[in-house]
Amino acid sequence: MKAVVQRVKEANVTVNGEIVGKIDKGLLVLLGVTHGDTEQDIDVIANKLVNLRIFEDDEQKMNLSLLDVGGSVLSVSQFTLYGDIRKGRRPSFVNAAEPTFAEEMYEKFNEKVRSYDIHVETGSFGAMMEVSLINDGPVTFVIETIDGKLV
């Protein structure tokens, strides 16, 4: 499982001209699911996400977590995180999980983050989406797991 995490002042996702998810201060999470991901991967990434100290304190040091600042999450499924571009000019998506499994894992991830009492907004799984954000910093991290362990 792979998550690209961006600290944002605000973010939203639009489908067919309609905003389907919107947050103010918090994290935009682009989540990719691969074959063999498990609930252990979800647990590890969700725990890291909500506890990662990437928000600034009064001294402008990254010392506060999403939980500390009461921020929200905008979660967007993104299978292209598992695109392989090493050969040729067209990405291969054989490493991305098939849609039924990916959607199930994506929904479980969102529920796990909510279990930390974090407000979660989402995109629409499988839809063509437009994501807008004001990246705060910019601050962007990649959280990745293999077999339930951070890599």
N, C-alpha and C. Protein backbone atom coordinates (compact mmCIF):
# COMPACT_ATOMS: atom_id res chain seq x y z
N MET A 1 0.86 -1.17 0.00
CA MET A 1 0.00 0.00 0.00
C MET A 1 0.90 1.22 0.00
N LYS A 2 0.44 2.24 -0.68
CA LYS A 2 1.24 3.44 -0.84
C LYS A 2 0.35 4.66 -0.66
N ALA A 3 0.81 5.64 0.13
CA ALA A 3 0.07 6.88 0.33
C ALA A 3 0.98 8.06 0.09
N VAL A 4 0.56 8.96 -0.76
CA VAL A 4 1.22 10.24 -0.92
C VAL A 4 0.43 11.22 -0.07
N VAL A 5 1.12 11.83 0.88
CA VAL A 5 0.48 12.66 1.90
C VAL A 5 0.95 14.10 1.74
N GLN A 6 0.00 15.01 1.58
CA GLN A 6 0.34 16.41 1.43
C GLN A 6 -0.36 17.21 2.53
N ARG A 7 0.42 18.01 3.25
CA ARG A 7 -0.14 18.90 4.26
C ARG A 7 -0.79 20.06 3.51
N VAL A 8 -2.06 20.31 3.81
CA VAL A 8 -2.79 21.33 3.04
C VAL A 8 -3.47 22.35 3.95
N LYS A 9 -3.62 23.54 3.40
CA LYS A 9 -4.45 24.56 4.05
C LYS A 9 -5.91 24.32 3.71
N GLU A 10 -6.12 23.79 2.50
CA GLU A 10 -7.45 23.38 2.06
C GLU A 10 -7.30 22.50 0.84
N ALA A 11 -8.29 21.65 0.60
CA ALA A 11 -8.28 20.78 -0.57
C ALA A 11 -9.70 20.34 -0.87
N ASN A 12 -9.94 20.05 -2.15
CA ASN A 12 -11.25 19.51 -2.53
C ASN A 12 -11.11 18.62 -3.74
N VAL A 13 -12.10 17.77 -3.92
CA VAL A 13 -12.14 16.89 -5.09
C VAL A 13 -13.50 17.07 -5.75
N THR A 14 -13.46 17.19 -7.08
CA THR A 14 -14.65 17.45 -7.88
C THR A 14 -14.85 16.31 -8.86
N VAL A 15 -16.11 15.90 -9.01
CA VAL A 15 -16.50 14.90 -10.00
C VAL A 15 -17.64 15.48 -10.81
N ASN A 16 -17.49 15.52 -12.12
CA ASN A 16 -18.51 16.07 -13.02
C ASN A 16 -18.96 17.46 -12.60
N GLY A 17 -17.99 18.30 -12.21
CA GLY A 17 -18.29 19.68 -11.86
C GLY A 17 -18.86 19.88 -10.47
N GLU A 18 -19.01 18.81 -9.68
CA GLU A 18 -19.58 18.92 -8.34
C GLU A 18 -18.54 18.53 -7.30
N ILE A 19 -18.39 19.35 -6.28
CA ILE A 19 -17.46 19.03 -5.19
C ILE A 19 -18.05 17.89 -4.38
N VAL A 20 -17.29 16.79 -4.28
CA VAL A 20 -17.76 15.62 -3.53
C VAL A 20 -17.03 15.46 -2.20
N GLY A 21 -15.92 16.15 -2.03
CA GLY A 21 -15.17 16.11 -0.78
C GLY A 21 -14.37 17.39 -0.63
N LYS A 22 -14.35 17.93 0.60
CA LYS A 22 -13.66 19.20 0.83
C LYS A 22 -13.20 19.27 2.28
N ILE A 23 -11.95 19.71 2.48
CA ILE A 23 -11.44 19.93 3.83
C ILE A 23 -10.73 21.28 3.90
N ASP A 24 -10.57 21.75 5.13
CA ASP A 24 -9.70 22.88 5.39
C ASP A 24 -8.37 22.29 5.86
N LYS A 25 -7.78 22.82 6.90
CA LYS A 25 -6.47 22.36 7.37
C LYS A 25 -6.46 20.86 7.60
N GLY A 26 -5.43 20.22 7.04
CA GLY A 26 -5.32 18.78 7.23
C GLY A 26 -4.39 18.14 6.23
N LEU A 27 -4.75 16.92 5.82
CA LEU A 27 -3.91 16.14 4.91
C LEU A 27 -4.71 15.64 3.72
N LEU A 28 -4.16 15.85 2.53
CA LEU A 28 -4.67 15.21 1.33
C LEU A 28 -3.90 13.91 1.19
N VAL A 29 -4.62 12.80 1.10
CA VAL A 29 -3.99 11.48 0.99
C VAL A 29 -4.40 10.85 -0.33
N LEU A 30 -3.42 10.59 -1.18
CA LEU A 30 -3.63 9.84 -2.41
C LEU A 30 -3.22 8.41 -2.09
N LEU A 31 -4.16 7.46 -2.17
CA LEU A 31 -3.92 6.10 -1.69
C LEU A 31 -3.94 5.10 -2.84
N GLY A 32 -2.87 4.33 -2.94
CA GLY A 32 -2.78 3.27 -3.93
C GLY A 32 -2.75 1.91 -3.24
N VAL A 33 -3.46 0.94 -3.82
CA VAL A 33 -3.54 -0.41 -3.27
C VAL A 33 -2.94 -1.36 -4.29
N THR A 34 -2.14 -2.31 -3.79
CA THR A 34 -1.55 -3.32 -4.65
C THR A 34 -2.01 -4.71 -4.20
N HIS A 35 -1.68 -5.71 -5.01
CA HIS A 35 -2.04 -7.09 -4.71
C HIS A 35 -1.43 -7.49 -3.36
N GLY A 36 -2.15 -8.22 -2.58
CA GLY A 36 -1.60 -8.73 -1.33
C GLY A 36 -1.63 -7.77 -0.17
N ASP A 37 -2.10 -6.54 -0.38
CA ASP A 37 -2.25 -5.64 0.76
C ASP A 37 -3.25 -6.25 1.74
N THR A 38 -3.03 -5.98 3.02
CA THR A 38 -3.88 -6.54 4.06
C THR A 38 -4.34 -5.44 5.01
N GLU A 39 -5.17 -5.83 5.96
CA GLU A 39 -5.61 -4.87 6.97
C GLU A 39 -4.45 -4.42 7.83
N GLN A 40 -3.39 -5.22 7.92
CA GLN A 40 -2.20 -4.79 8.65
C GLN A 40 -1.55 -3.59 7.95
N ASP A 41 -1.54 -3.59 6.62
CA ASP A 41 -1.02 -2.44 5.87
C ASP A 41 -1.86 -1.20 6.18
N ILE A 42 -3.18 -1.38 6.20
CA ILE A 42 -4.08 -0.27 6.53
C ILE A 42 -3.77 0.27 7.92
N ASP A 43 -3.65 -0.62 8.90
CA ASP A 43 -3.38 -0.21 10.27
C ASP A 43 -2.09 0.59 10.38
N VAL A 44 -1.04 0.10 9.73
CA VAL A 44 0.27 0.74 9.81
C VAL A 44 0.22 2.13 9.18
N ILE A 45 -0.35 2.24 7.99
CA ILE A 45 -0.38 3.54 7.31
C ILE A 45 -1.30 4.51 8.04
N ALA A 46 -2.46 4.07 8.48
CA ALA A 46 -3.39 4.97 9.18
C ALA A 46 -2.77 5.48 10.48
N ASN A 47 -2.12 4.59 11.23
CA ASN A 47 -1.49 4.99 12.48
C ASN A 47 -0.37 6.00 12.23
N LYS A 48 0.45 5.74 11.23
CA LYS A 48 1.54 6.67 10.89
C LYS A 48 0.96 8.01 10.46
N LEU A 49 -0.07 7.97 9.64
CA LEU A 49 -0.69 9.18 9.10
C LEU A 49 -1.20 10.11 10.20
N VAL A 50 -1.96 9.58 11.14
CA VAL A 50 -2.58 10.44 12.15
C VAL A 50 -1.60 10.89 13.23
N ASN A 51 -0.49 10.18 13.39
CA ASN A 51 0.47 10.50 14.45
C ASN A 51 1.74 11.18 13.96
N LEU A 52 1.94 11.23 12.64
CA LEU A 52 3.14 11.83 12.07
C LEU A 52 3.19 13.32 12.42
N ARG A 53 4.27 13.75 13.01
CA ARG A 53 4.39 15.15 13.46
C ARG A 53 4.90 16.02 12.31
N ILE A 54 3.96 16.48 11.48
CA ILE A 54 4.33 17.27 10.30
C ILE A 54 3.65 18.63 10.26
N PHE A 55 2.96 18.99 11.34
CA PHE A 55 2.37 20.33 11.45
C PHE A 55 3.23 21.16 12.39
N GLU A 56 3.30 22.45 12.10
CA GLU A 56 4.19 23.33 12.85
C GLU A 56 3.59 23.73 14.20
N ASP A 57 4.49 23.82 15.19
CA ASP A 57 4.10 24.34 16.50
C ASP A 57 4.31 25.85 16.51
N ASP A 58 4.24 26.47 17.69
CA ASP A 58 4.39 27.93 17.80
C ASP A 58 5.77 28.42 17.40
N GLU A 59 6.75 27.52 17.38
CA GLU A 59 8.11 27.89 16.99
C GLU A 59 8.42 27.50 15.54
N GLN A 60 7.39 27.21 14.76
CA GLN A 60 7.50 26.82 13.35
C GLN A 60 8.32 25.55 13.14
N LYS A 61 8.30 24.65 14.11
CA LYS A 61 8.95 23.35 13.97
C LYS A 61 7.89 22.30 13.75
N MET A 62 8.17 21.34 12.87
CA MET A 62 7.24 20.23 12.65
C MET A 62 7.23 19.39 13.90
N ASN A 63 6.22 19.63 14.73
CA ASN A 63 6.19 19.00 16.03
C ASN A 63 4.78 18.53 16.41
N LEU A 64 3.80 18.76 15.56
CA LEU A 64 2.42 18.43 15.88
C LEU A 64 1.84 17.47 14.84
N SER A 65 0.99 16.58 15.31
CA SER A 65 0.35 15.60 14.43
C SER A 65 -1.03 16.08 13.99
N LEU A 66 -1.61 15.33 13.09
CA LEU A 66 -2.99 15.59 12.66
C LEU A 66 -3.92 15.56 13.86
N LEU A 67 -3.72 14.62 14.76
CA LEU A 67 -4.52 14.54 15.98
C LEU A 67 -4.34 15.79 16.83
N ASP A 68 -3.10 16.28 16.95
CA ASP A 68 -2.81 17.46 17.78
C ASP A 68 -3.51 18.71 17.26
N VAL A 69 -3.56 18.86 15.92
CA VAL A 69 -4.10 20.10 15.35
C VAL A 69 -5.59 20.00 15.02
N GLY A 70 -6.17 18.81 15.21
CA GLY A 70 -7.60 18.64 14.90
C GLY A 70 -7.89 18.77 13.42
N GLY A 71 -6.95 18.35 12.58
CA GLY A 71 -7.11 18.46 11.14
C GLY A 71 -7.98 17.35 10.55
N SER A 72 -8.29 17.50 9.29
CA SER A 72 -9.12 16.54 8.55
C SER A 72 -8.28 15.85 7.49
N VAL A 73 -8.88 14.83 6.88
CA VAL A 73 -8.24 14.10 5.78
C VAL A 73 -9.16 14.12 4.58
N LEU A 74 -8.59 14.42 3.42
CA LEU A 74 -9.28 14.21 2.14
C LEU A 74 -8.58 13.02 1.50
N SER A 75 -9.29 11.92 1.40
CA SER A 75 -8.73 10.65 0.91
C SER A 75 -9.20 10.41 -0.52
N VAL A 76 -8.22 10.19 -1.41
CA VAL A 76 -8.51 9.98 -2.82
C VAL A 76 -7.80 8.72 -3.28
N SER A 77 -8.56 7.78 -3.81
CA SER A 77 -7.97 6.55 -4.35
C SER A 77 -7.22 6.88 -5.64
N GLN A 78 -6.00 6.33 -5.77
CA GLN A 78 -5.21 6.63 -6.96
C GLN A 78 -4.38 5.41 -7.38
N PHE A 79 -4.95 4.62 -8.28
CA PHE A 79 -4.27 3.40 -8.74
C PHE A 79 -2.97 3.70 -9.48
N THR A 80 -2.83 4.91 -10.03
CA THR A 80 -1.63 5.23 -10.80
C THR A 80 -0.38 5.27 -9.93
N LEU A 81 -0.53 5.27 -8.60
CA LEU A 81 0.65 5.20 -7.74
C LEU A 81 1.40 3.89 -7.95
N TYR A 82 0.71 2.88 -8.48
CA TYR A 82 1.36 1.61 -8.78
C TYR A 82 1.64 1.45 -10.28
N GLY A 83 1.68 2.56 -11.00
CA GLY A 83 2.08 2.52 -12.41
C GLY A 83 3.57 2.27 -12.53
N ASP A 84 3.93 1.38 -13.42
CA ASP A 84 5.34 1.06 -13.66
C ASP A 84 5.74 1.72 -14.98
N ILE A 85 6.70 2.65 -14.91
CA ILE A 85 7.11 3.40 -16.10
C ILE A 85 8.54 3.06 -16.54
N ARG A 86 9.06 1.94 -16.03
CA ARG A 86 10.45 1.60 -16.34
C ARG A 86 10.66 1.21 -17.80
N LYS A 87 9.66 0.60 -18.44
CA LYS A 87 9.82 0.15 -19.83
C LYS A 87 8.86 0.92 -20.72
N GLY A 88 9.34 1.26 -21.88
CA GLY A 88 8.49 1.90 -22.88
C GLY A 88 8.03 3.28 -22.47
N ARG A 89 6.95 3.70 -23.10
CA ARG A 89 6.44 5.06 -22.87
C ARG A 89 5.04 5.07 -22.29
N ARG A 90 4.44 3.90 -22.19
CA ARG A 90 3.10 3.81 -21.62
C ARG A 90 3.20 3.08 -20.29
N PRO A 91 2.64 3.65 -19.21
CA PRO A 91 2.71 2.98 -17.91
C PRO A 91 1.98 1.64 -17.92
N SER A 92 2.51 0.72 -17.15
CA SER A 92 1.85 -0.57 -16.92
C SER A 92 1.24 -0.51 -15.52
N PHE A 93 0.01 -0.99 -15.40
CA PHE A 93 -0.67 -0.94 -14.11
C PHE A 93 -0.91 -2.33 -13.54
N VAL A 94 -0.06 -3.29 -13.92
CA VAL A 94 -0.23 -4.66 -13.44
C VAL A 94 -0.01 -4.78 -11.93
N ASN A 95 0.68 -3.81 -11.33
CA ASN A 95 0.91 -3.85 -9.89
C ASN A 95 -0.23 -3.24 -9.08
N ALA A 96 -1.15 -2.56 -9.75
CA ALA A 96 -2.32 -1.99 -9.06
C ALA A 96 -3.32 -3.11 -8.80
N ALA A 97 -3.94 -3.09 -7.63
CA ALA A 97 -4.94 -4.10 -7.28
C ALA A 97 -6.16 -3.98 -8.19
N GLU A 98 -6.84 -5.10 -8.39
CA GLU A 98 -8.06 -5.06 -9.20
C GLU A 98 -9.10 -4.22 -8.46
N PRO A 99 -10.00 -3.56 -9.19
CA PRO A 99 -10.88 -2.55 -8.61
C PRO A 99 -11.73 -3.01 -7.42
N THR A 100 -12.29 -4.19 -7.45
CA THR A 100 -13.15 -4.62 -6.34
C THR A 100 -12.36 -4.69 -5.04
N PHE A 101 -11.18 -5.31 -5.09
CA PHE A 101 -10.33 -5.41 -3.91
C PHE A 101 -9.83 -4.03 -3.49
N ALA A 102 -9.39 -3.22 -4.45
CA ALA A 102 -8.86 -1.89 -4.16
C ALA A 102 -9.91 -1.03 -3.47
N GLU A 103 -11.15 -1.08 -3.96
CA GLU A 103 -12.20 -0.26 -3.35
C GLU A 103 -12.49 -0.72 -1.91
N GLU A 104 -12.50 -2.02 -1.70
CA GLU A 104 -12.72 -2.55 -0.35
C GLU A 104 -11.62 -2.07 0.60
N MET A 105 -10.38 -2.14 0.17
CA MET A 105 -9.27 -1.70 1.01
C MET A 105 -9.29 -0.19 1.23
N TYR A 106 -9.64 0.55 0.20
CA TYR A 106 -9.75 2.01 0.31
C TYR A 106 -10.81 2.38 1.35
N GLU A 107 -11.95 1.74 1.29
CA GLU A 107 -13.02 2.03 2.26
C GLU A 107 -12.59 1.64 3.68
N LYS A 108 -11.91 0.53 3.82
CA LYS A 108 -11.43 0.11 5.14
C LYS A 108 -10.39 1.09 5.67
N PHE A 109 -9.54 1.60 4.79
CA PHE A 109 -8.57 2.61 5.20
C PHE A 109 -9.28 3.85 5.74
N ASN A 110 -10.28 4.32 5.01
CA ASN A 110 -11.01 5.52 5.45
C ASN A 110 -11.68 5.29 6.81
N GLU A 111 -12.25 4.12 6.99
CA GLU A 111 -12.89 3.80 8.28
C GLU A 111 -11.85 3.73 9.40
N LYS A 112 -10.68 3.20 9.11
CA LYS A 112 -9.63 3.13 10.12
C LYS A 112 -9.20 4.52 10.54
N VAL A 113 -9.03 5.43 9.58
CA VAL A 113 -8.65 6.80 9.92
C VAL A 113 -9.77 7.45 10.75
N ARG A 114 -11.01 7.22 10.37
CA ARG A 114 -12.14 7.76 11.15
C ARG A 114 -12.16 7.21 12.58
N SER A 115 -11.67 6.00 12.77
CA SER A 115 -11.66 5.40 14.11
C SER A 115 -10.75 6.17 15.08
N TYR A 116 -9.88 7.02 14.56
CA TYR A 116 -9.04 7.89 15.38
C TYR A 116 -9.74 9.21 15.69
N ASP A 117 -11.01 9.30 15.36
CA ASP A 117 -11.83 10.50 15.53
C ASP A 117 -11.34 11.64 14.64
N ILE A 118 -10.92 11.27 13.43
CA ILE A 118 -10.50 12.22 12.41
C ILE A 118 -11.64 12.35 11.39
N HIS A 119 -11.96 13.59 11.01
CA HIS A 119 -12.97 13.80 9.97
C HIS A 119 -12.35 13.45 8.62
N VAL A 120 -13.00 12.56 7.87
CA VAL A 120 -12.49 12.11 6.57
C VAL A 120 -13.52 12.43 5.49
N GLU A 121 -13.07 13.12 4.47
CA GLU A 121 -13.84 13.33 3.25
C GLU A 121 -13.18 12.48 2.18
N THR A 122 -13.92 12.12 1.14
CA THR A 122 -13.37 11.25 0.11
C THR A 122 -13.70 11.75 -1.29
N GLY A 123 -12.96 11.18 -2.24
CA GLY A 123 -13.32 11.32 -3.64
C GLY A 123 -14.33 10.23 -3.97
N SER A 124 -14.53 9.98 -5.25
CA SER A 124 -15.43 8.92 -5.71
C SER A 124 -14.59 7.84 -6.37
N PHE A 125 -14.55 6.67 -5.75
CA PHE A 125 -13.70 5.59 -6.24
C PHE A 125 -14.00 5.30 -7.71
N GLY A 126 -12.95 5.24 -8.52
CA GLY A 126 -13.07 4.88 -9.92
C GLY A 126 -13.52 5.98 -10.85
N ALA A 127 -13.87 7.13 -10.30
CA ALA A 127 -14.34 8.24 -11.14
C ALA A 127 -13.16 9.07 -11.62
N MET A 128 -13.38 9.81 -12.71
CA MET A 128 -12.40 10.80 -13.13
C MET A 128 -12.60 12.00 -12.21
N MET A 129 -11.55 12.36 -11.48
CA MET A 129 -11.66 13.40 -10.46
C MET A 129 -10.70 14.54 -10.74
N GLU A 130 -11.07 15.71 -10.28
CA GLU A 130 -10.19 16.87 -10.29
C GLU A 130 -9.91 17.20 -8.83
N VAL A 131 -8.62 17.22 -8.48
CA VAL A 131 -8.23 17.50 -7.10
C VAL A 131 -7.56 18.87 -7.06
N SER A 132 -8.05 19.72 -6.18
CA SER A 132 -7.47 21.06 -5.99
C SER A 132 -6.96 21.16 -4.56
N LEU A 133 -5.82 21.82 -4.40
CA LEU A 133 -5.29 21.95 -3.05
C LEU A 133 -4.41 23.18 -2.94
N ILE A 134 -4.29 23.63 -1.72
CA ILE A 134 -3.26 24.61 -1.38
C ILE A 134 -2.33 23.86 -0.45
N ASN A 135 -1.17 23.47 -0.99
CA ASN A 135 -0.18 22.70 -0.24
C ASN A 135 0.47 23.65 0.76
N ASP A 136 0.50 23.27 2.01
CA ASP A 136 1.02 24.09 3.08
C ASP A 136 2.48 23.77 3.30
N GLY A 137 3.36 24.59 2.78
CA GLY A 137 4.79 24.37 2.96
C GLY A 137 5.59 24.68 1.70
N PRO A 138 5.57 23.88 0.71
CA PRO A 138 4.88 22.59 0.55
C PRO A 138 5.50 21.50 1.41
N VAL A 139 4.64 20.63 1.90
CA VAL A 139 5.05 19.48 2.70
C VAL A 139 4.39 18.25 2.10
N THR A 140 5.20 17.32 1.62
CA THR A 140 4.70 16.09 0.97
C THR A 140 5.58 14.91 1.40
N PHE A 141 4.92 13.82 1.78
CA PHE A 141 5.63 12.59 2.17
C PHE A 141 4.98 11.40 1.48
N VAL A 142 5.76 10.33 1.33
CA VAL A 142 5.24 9.06 0.84
C VAL A 142 5.35 8.06 1.97
N ILE A 143 4.23 7.40 2.27
CA ILE A 143 4.21 6.32 3.26
C ILE A 143 3.90 5.04 2.49
N GLU A 144 4.78 4.05 2.63
CA GLU A 144 4.58 2.80 1.88
C GLU A 144 4.80 1.61 2.79
N THR A 145 3.97 0.59 2.58
CA THR A 145 4.14 -0.66 3.32
C THR A 145 4.25 -1.82 2.35
N ILE A 146 4.96 -2.83 2.79
CA ILE A 146 5.01 -4.14 2.13
C ILE A 146 4.87 -5.16 3.24
N ASP A 147 3.92 -6.05 3.09
CA ASP A 147 3.67 -7.09 4.09
C ASP A 147 3.46 -6.52 5.48
N GLY A 148 2.72 -5.41 5.56
CA GLY A 148 2.38 -4.82 6.85
C GLY A 148 3.50 -4.08 7.55
N LYS A 149 4.60 -3.80 6.83
CA LYS A 149 5.73 -3.09 7.43
C LYS A 149 6.08 -1.87 6.58
N LEU A 150 6.45 -0.79 7.26
CA LEU A 150 6.87 0.40 6.54
C LEU A 150 8.15 0.14 5.76
N VAL A 151 8.22 0.69 4.54
CA VAL A 151 9.44 0.58 3.73
C VAL A 151 9.94 1.96 3.36
